[in-house]
Amino acid sequence: MKIQTLQTYRELTASAVEMICKGLDDDLSCQTIADRLCVSPFYFHRIFKAVYGEGPSEMAMRLRMERAASELINSETSVTEIALEAGFESLEGFSRHFRTRFCAAPSQFRRLKAVDRRTLHAPNGIHWQRGEFIPNINFLGEKRMDLDTSALRIEEIADVRLAAIRHTGPYYEIGKTFWKLRPPKPAPTMYALYYDDPESTPVDQLRSEACYELADGEGPCVGAQLVTINGGKYAIYRHIGPYPGLNAAWSTFMELLANSDNGSRPGPCFELYVDNCMITPAETLRTDLYAPIQ
């Protein structure tokens, strides 16, 4: 990752890491952190993971479990209290999760005084420490200087007026919502807007919108509402192939973006469907992924 890029994404994510490390008992959902940083949760989570190797919620849970392991060894606090402090509603749920992480039940871990096992694998060198601490960050991007970012395009676009129908639920089911759109003319340009990160948001709460582009002076069809994509600078990555491959394409896109010299700005990420899927073979379908940048 280039020096300029490290500085750009340190500004975006370092405050999030500080929030996590100093506020383990606070609401550390991706939505909450992204709102405080004024960025899209969809965008933020993927950039954070590209830089640190794990999502913000994953980091928070890992640090809570490391704190729990330390408390089991160094305090007389009951296992139930430690479980509640770690954010679990039941001792059973905590014990099951702890056993998966540390290969021992909490009570057994306490008896063994397993000091050498109280930290978990971290792809970024950040571990829980007693009291307030400044994390020792190992940016994964420093090891990824060989990434080819030439697949990214950078473009300035004008405002885009869309007719949109809200889809709530799994992103892969948004096709059902597209069928509800009734554009007045055949084969308009289709878009999908995404507002939540699928790795950190309950699947039944994911928010997206199925859209088609409106001509000047045209209004939305029945059942749709007017939505505008704000113009400005966007990074664009083209995926060629079936739609089920789009999730992996987004991960690749965000990793490339984190290794470029482009900072983020508020606004949803979206897909523009270059081809009509009704007449184009799945293996040659072109989809452009857009992320707002500075």
Protein backbone atom coordinates (compact mmCIF):
# COMPACT_ATOMS: atom_id res chain seq x y z
CA MET A 1 0.00 0.00 0.00
CA LYS A 2 1.40 3.41 -0.86
CA ILE A 3 2.32 5.87 1.90
CA GLN A 4 -0.40 8.31 0.79
CA THR A 5 -2.95 5.50 0.93
CA LEU A 6 -1.90 4.41 4.41
CA GLN A 7 -2.46 7.96 5.58
CA THR A 8 -5.84 8.17 3.82
CA TYR A 9 -7.24 4.98 5.31
CA ARG A 10 -5.62 5.50 8.70
CA GLU A 11 -7.70 8.66 8.91
CA LEU A 12 -10.84 6.68 8.05
CA THR A 13 -10.25 3.68 10.28
CA ALA A 14 -7.90 4.66 13.14
CA SER A 15 -10.66 6.45 15.01
CA ALA A 16 -12.82 3.32 14.61
CA VAL A 17 -10.07 1.18 16.12
CA GLU A 18 -9.79 3.63 19.02
CA MET A 19 -13.57 3.45 19.54
CA ILE A 20 -13.36 -0.33 19.67
CA CYS A 21 -10.33 -0.58 21.94
CA LYS A 22 -11.53 2.03 24.44
CA GLY A 23 -15.25 1.27 24.33
CA LEU A 24 -15.63 -2.49 24.33
CA ASP A 25 -18.81 -2.19 26.38
CA ASP A 26 -20.39 0.32 23.98
CA ASP A 27 -22.54 -0.27 20.90
CA LEU A 28 -19.88 -1.20 18.35
CA SER A 29 -22.10 -2.25 15.47
CA CYS A 30 -20.81 -1.45 12.01
CA GLN A 31 -23.78 0.89 11.52
CA THR A 32 -22.95 2.90 14.65
CA ILE A 33 -19.25 3.26 13.85
CA ALA A 34 -19.90 4.10 10.19
CA ASP A 35 -22.48 6.72 11.18
CA ARG A 36 -19.93 8.40 13.43
CA LEU A 37 -17.42 8.39 10.57
CA CYS A 38 -20.07 9.64 8.09
CA VAL A 39 -19.53 6.79 5.62
CA SER A 40 -21.69 4.00 4.22
CA PRO A 41 -21.63 0.85 6.42
CA PHE A 42 -21.36 -1.22 3.23
CA TYR A 43 -18.25 0.74 2.21
CA PHE A 44 -16.74 1.11 5.69
CA HIS A 45 -16.83 -2.56 6.70
CA ARG A 46 -15.17 -3.71 3.49
CA ILE A 47 -12.46 -1.04 3.64
CA PHE A 48 -11.84 -1.78 7.32
CA LYS A 49 -11.51 -5.49 6.59
CA ALA A 50 -9.20 -4.84 3.63
CA VAL A 51 -6.91 -2.79 5.88
CA TYR A 52 -7.06 -4.83 9.12
CA GLY A 53 -7.90 -8.33 7.91
CA GLU A 54 -11.09 -8.56 10.02
CA GLY A 55 -14.29 -6.56 10.27
CA PRO A 56 -14.92 -4.06 13.09
CA SER A 57 -17.49 -6.30 14.78
CA GLU A 58 -15.12 -9.27 14.50
CA MET A 59 -12.34 -7.21 16.09
CA ALA A 60 -14.62 -6.07 18.91
CA MET A 61 -15.76 -9.62 19.68
CA ARG A 62 -12.20 -10.98 19.58
CA LEU A 63 -10.99 -8.28 22.01
CA ARG A 64 -13.94 -8.94 24.33
CA MET A 65 -13.06 -12.63 24.37
CA GLU A 66 -9.39 -11.85 25.05
CA ARG A 67 -10.50 -9.62 27.94
CA ALA A 68 -12.70 -12.45 29.21
CA ALA A 69 -9.79 -14.89 29.07
CA SER A 70 -7.62 -12.47 31.03
CA GLU A 71 -10.36 -11.96 33.63
CA LEU A 72 -10.73 -15.71 34.08
CA ILE A 73 -7.02 -16.01 34.85
CA ASN A 74 -6.44 -12.83 36.85
CA SER A 75 -9.67 -12.24 38.79
CA GLU A 76 -12.22 -13.98 40.99
CA THR A 77 -15.13 -12.55 38.97
CA SER A 78 -17.76 -15.19 38.32
CA VAL A 79 -17.96 -16.74 34.89
CA THR A 80 -21.54 -15.47 34.60
CA GLU A 81 -20.45 -11.87 35.21
CA ILE A 82 -17.62 -12.23 32.71
CA ALA A 83 -20.09 -13.61 30.16
CA LEU A 84 -22.41 -10.63 30.61
CA GLU A 85 -19.47 -8.21 30.37
CA ALA A 86 -18.50 -9.86 27.07
CA GLY A 87 -21.95 -9.06 25.67
CA PHE A 88 -23.60 -12.47 25.98
CA GLU A 89 -27.13 -12.86 27.32
CA SER A 90 -26.53 -16.34 28.70
CA LEU A 91 -23.72 -18.33 30.26
CA GLU A 92 -24.44 -21.16 27.82
CA GLY A 93 -23.88 -18.96 24.78
CA PHE A 94 -20.68 -17.52 26.21
CA SER A 95 -19.31 -20.95 27.18
CA ARG A 96 -20.00 -22.34 23.74
CA HIS A 97 -18.34 -19.39 22.01
CA PHE A 98 -15.38 -19.40 24.43
CA ARG A 99 -14.80 -23.12 23.89
CA THR A 100 -14.77 -22.60 20.12
CA ARG A 101 -12.22 -19.80 20.44
CA PHE A 102 -9.92 -21.20 23.16
CA CYS A 103 -10.53 -24.97 22.87
CA ALA A 104 -11.49 -25.14 26.55
CA ALA A 105 -14.55 -24.35 28.63
CA PRO A 106 -14.24 -21.14 30.73
CA SER A 107 -14.09 -23.07 34.02
CA GLN A 108 -11.40 -25.39 32.66
CA PHE A 109 -9.46 -22.43 31.26
CA ARG A 110 -9.53 -20.79 34.71
CA ARG A 111 -8.29 -23.96 36.43
CA LEU A 112 -5.44 -24.36 33.93
CA LYS A 113 -4.35 -20.72 34.30
CA ALA A 114 -3.65 -20.86 30.57
CA VAL A 115 -1.70 -17.60 30.41
CA ASP A 116 0.01 -18.55 27.15
CA ARG A 117 -3.38 -18.98 25.45
CA ARG A 118 -5.19 -15.79 26.51
CA THR A 119 -4.76 -14.06 23.14
CA LEU A 120 -6.28 -15.13 19.83
CA HIS A 121 -4.89 -14.98 16.33
CA ALA A 122 -5.06 -11.39 15.06
CA PRO A 123 -4.21 -10.49 11.44
CA ASN A 124 -3.30 -6.95 12.53
CA GLY A 125 -1.33 -7.30 15.77
CA ILE A 126 -4.06 -5.65 17.88
CA HIS A 127 -4.73 -7.41 21.21
CA TRP A 128 -6.60 -6.50 24.37
CA GLN A 129 -4.59 -4.81 27.12
CA ARG A 130 -5.70 -3.81 30.58
CA GLY A 131 -6.71 -0.15 30.87
CA GLU A 132 -6.78 2.34 28.01
CA PHE A 133 -4.25 1.52 25.34
CA ILE A 134 -3.08 2.67 21.95
CA PRO A 135 -3.08 -0.37 19.66
CA ASN A 136 0.05 -1.44 17.86
CA ILE A 137 -1.37 -1.56 14.35
CA ASN A 138 0.12 -3.76 11.67
CA PHE A 139 -1.49 -2.59 8.43
CA LEU A 140 -1.97 -5.54 6.11
CA GLY A 141 -1.72 -3.20 3.17
CA GLU A 142 1.99 -2.66 3.84
CA LYS A 143 2.47 -6.25 2.70
CA ARG A 144 0.33 -5.89 -0.42
CA MET A 145 2.29 -3.51 -2.57
CA ASP A 146 2.14 -5.94 -5.50
CA LEU A 147 -1.63 -5.50 -5.97
CA ASP A 148 -2.47 -4.26 -9.45
CA THR A 149 -4.92 -1.39 -9.07
CA SER A 150 -5.14 -0.75 -12.82
CA ALA A 151 -8.51 -2.54 -12.85
CA LEU A 152 -10.00 0.52 -11.12
CA ARG A 153 -11.50 3.37 -13.13
CA ILE A 154 -12.00 6.81 -11.68
CA GLU A 155 -14.81 8.93 -13.12
CA GLU A 156 -16.79 12.05 -12.34
CA ILE A 157 -20.50 11.46 -12.86
CA ALA A 158 -23.51 13.78 -12.83
CA ASP A 159 -26.57 13.26 -10.61
CA VAL A 160 -28.57 10.20 -11.66
CA ARG A 161 -32.35 10.16 -11.16
CA LEU A 162 -33.78 6.74 -10.42
CA ALA A 163 -37.12 5.06 -9.86
CA ALA A 164 -36.54 2.81 -6.86
CA ILE A 165 -38.31 0.13 -4.85
CA ARG A 166 -36.88 -0.71 -1.43
CA HIS A 167 -35.71 -4.28 -0.85
CA THR A 168 -35.23 -5.50 2.73
CA GLY A 169 -33.59 -8.88 3.18
CA PRO A 170 -30.80 -10.91 1.55
CA TYR A 171 -29.07 -9.01 -1.22
CA TYR A 172 -29.08 -12.06 -3.46
CA GLU A 173 -32.90 -11.94 -3.45
CA ILE A 174 -33.07 -8.38 -4.85
CA GLY A 175 -34.00 -9.89 -8.23
CA LYS A 176 -37.51 -10.45 -6.86
CA THR A 177 -37.82 -6.72 -6.24
CA PHE A 178 -36.58 -5.86 -9.72
CA TRP A 179 -39.57 -7.77 -11.09
CA LYS A 180 -41.86 -5.32 -9.29
CA LEU A 181 -40.50 -2.40 -11.32
CA ARG A 182 -42.70 -1.46 -14.27
CA PRO A 183 -40.73 1.05 -16.38
CA PRO A 184 -42.78 2.70 -19.15
CA LYS A 185 -40.18 1.88 -21.81
CA PRO A 186 -38.30 -1.38 -22.45
CA ALA A 187 -34.72 -2.06 -21.35
CA PRO A 188 -33.88 1.00 -19.23
CA THR A 189 -30.52 1.12 -17.44
CA MET A 190 -30.84 -0.78 -14.17
CA TYR A 191 -29.12 -0.09 -10.85
CA ALA A 192 -28.97 -1.58 -7.35
CA LEU A 193 -28.09 0.60 -4.35
CA TYR A 194 -26.70 -0.95 -1.16
CA TYR A 195 -26.82 0.61 2.30
CA ASP A 196 -25.70 -2.07 4.79
CA ASP A 197 -22.77 -4.43 5.06
CA PRO A 198 -23.90 -8.05 4.63
CA GLU A 199 -21.21 -9.40 6.97
CA SER A 200 -22.24 -7.33 9.98
CA THR A 201 -26.00 -6.74 9.52
CA PRO A 202 -28.67 -9.38 10.22
CA VAL A 203 -29.69 -10.73 6.85
CA ASP A 204 -33.36 -9.85 7.33
CA GLN A 205 -32.40 -6.21 7.97
CA LEU A 206 -30.23 -5.57 4.92
CA ARG A 207 -31.43 -2.49 3.01
CA SER A 208 -31.03 -2.06 -0.73
CA GLU A 209 -32.99 -0.61 -3.64
CA ALA A 210 -33.82 -1.99 -7.08
CA CYS A 211 -33.82 0.90 -9.57
CA TYR A 212 -33.99 1.99 -13.16
CA GLU A 213 -32.73 5.29 -14.59
CA LEU A 214 -35.26 8.00 -15.36
CA ALA A 215 -35.12 10.25 -18.38
CA ASP A 216 -35.29 14.03 -17.93
CA GLY A 217 -38.78 15.01 -16.82
CA GLU A 218 -39.85 11.39 -16.31
CA GLY A 219 -41.41 10.31 -13.02
CA PRO A 220 -41.21 6.95 -11.23
CA CYS A 221 -43.54 4.13 -12.17
CA VAL A 222 -46.37 3.05 -9.87
CA GLY A 223 -45.02 1.63 -6.62
CA ALA A 224 -41.60 3.25 -6.97
CA GLN A 225 -40.15 6.40 -5.45
CA LEU A 226 -37.67 8.94 -6.76
CA VAL A 227 -34.08 8.41 -5.59
CA THR A 228 -31.05 10.40 -6.71
CA ILE A 229 -27.46 9.21 -6.85
CA ASN A 230 -25.42 12.29 -6.07
CA GLY A 231 -22.90 13.17 -8.72
CA GLY A 232 -19.20 13.39 -7.98
CA LYS A 233 -16.08 11.28 -8.09
CA TYR A 234 -16.44 7.50 -8.09
CA ALA A 235 -14.13 4.51 -8.21
CA ILE A 236 -15.46 1.84 -10.58
CA TYR A 237 -14.63 -1.85 -10.90
CA ARG A 238 -16.07 -4.06 -13.63
CA HIS A 239 -17.22 -7.59 -12.90
CA ILE A 240 -17.75 -9.92 -15.85
CA GLY A 241 -19.74 -13.04 -15.16
CA PRO A 242 -22.86 -14.34 -13.37
CA TYR A 243 -24.47 -12.24 -10.65
CA PRO A 244 -23.68 -14.76 -7.84
CA GLY A 245 -20.03 -13.72 -8.26
CA LEU A 246 -20.75 -10.12 -7.29
CA ASN A 247 -20.12 -10.56 -3.56
CA ALA A 248 -16.56 -11.74 -4.23
CA ALA A 249 -16.18 -8.93 -6.77
CA TRP A 250 -17.09 -6.36 -4.10
CA SER A 251 -14.43 -7.78 -1.76
CA THR A 252 -11.82 -7.56 -4.51
CA PHE A 253 -12.95 -4.04 -5.37
CA MET A 254 -12.61 -2.81 -1.77
CA GLU A 255 -9.18 -4.37 -1.39
CA LEU A 256 -8.01 -2.67 -4.59
CA LEU A 257 -9.54 0.59 -3.43
CA ALA A 258 -7.70 0.36 -0.12
CA ASN A 259 -4.48 0.01 -2.11
CA SER A 260 -5.19 3.03 -4.28
CA ASP A 261 -4.77 6.73 -3.53
CA ASN A 262 -8.47 7.49 -3.12
CA GLY A 263 -10.23 8.44 0.10
CA SER A 264 -13.87 7.79 0.87
CA ARG A 265 -16.85 10.13 1.08
CA PRO A 266 -20.47 9.66 2.18
CA GLY A 267 -22.94 7.99 -0.15
CA PRO A 268 -24.18 4.51 -1.04
CA CYS A 269 -22.25 2.06 -3.14
CA PHE A 270 -24.13 0.73 -6.14
CA GLU A 271 -24.13 -1.58 -9.12
CA LEU A 272 -24.88 -0.54 -12.68
CA TYR A 273 -25.95 -3.41 -14.92
CA VAL A 274 -24.33 -2.76 -18.29
CA ASP A 275 -26.06 -5.66 -20.02
CA ASN A 276 -29.61 -6.94 -20.15
CA CYS A 277 -29.56 -10.25 -18.28
CA MET A 278 -32.57 -11.49 -20.26
CA ILE A 279 -30.63 -11.62 -23.54
CA THR A 280 -26.95 -11.76 -22.46
CA PRO A 281 -25.21 -15.05 -21.57
CA ALA A 282 -24.44 -15.16 -17.82
CA GLU A 283 -20.71 -15.64 -18.37
CA THR A 284 -20.43 -12.37 -20.33
CA LEU A 285 -22.67 -10.16 -18.16
CA ARG A 286 -20.95 -6.87 -17.34
CA THR A 287 -21.67 -5.18 -14.01
CA ASP A 288 -19.94 -1.97 -12.90
CA LEU A 289 -19.46 -1.53 -9.15
CA TYR A 290 -19.34 2.08 -7.90
CA ALA A 291 -17.98 3.52 -4.65
CA PRO A 292 -17.96 7.28 -3.86
CA ILE A 293 -14.48 8.70 -3.32
CA GLN A 294 -12.89 12.07 -2.65
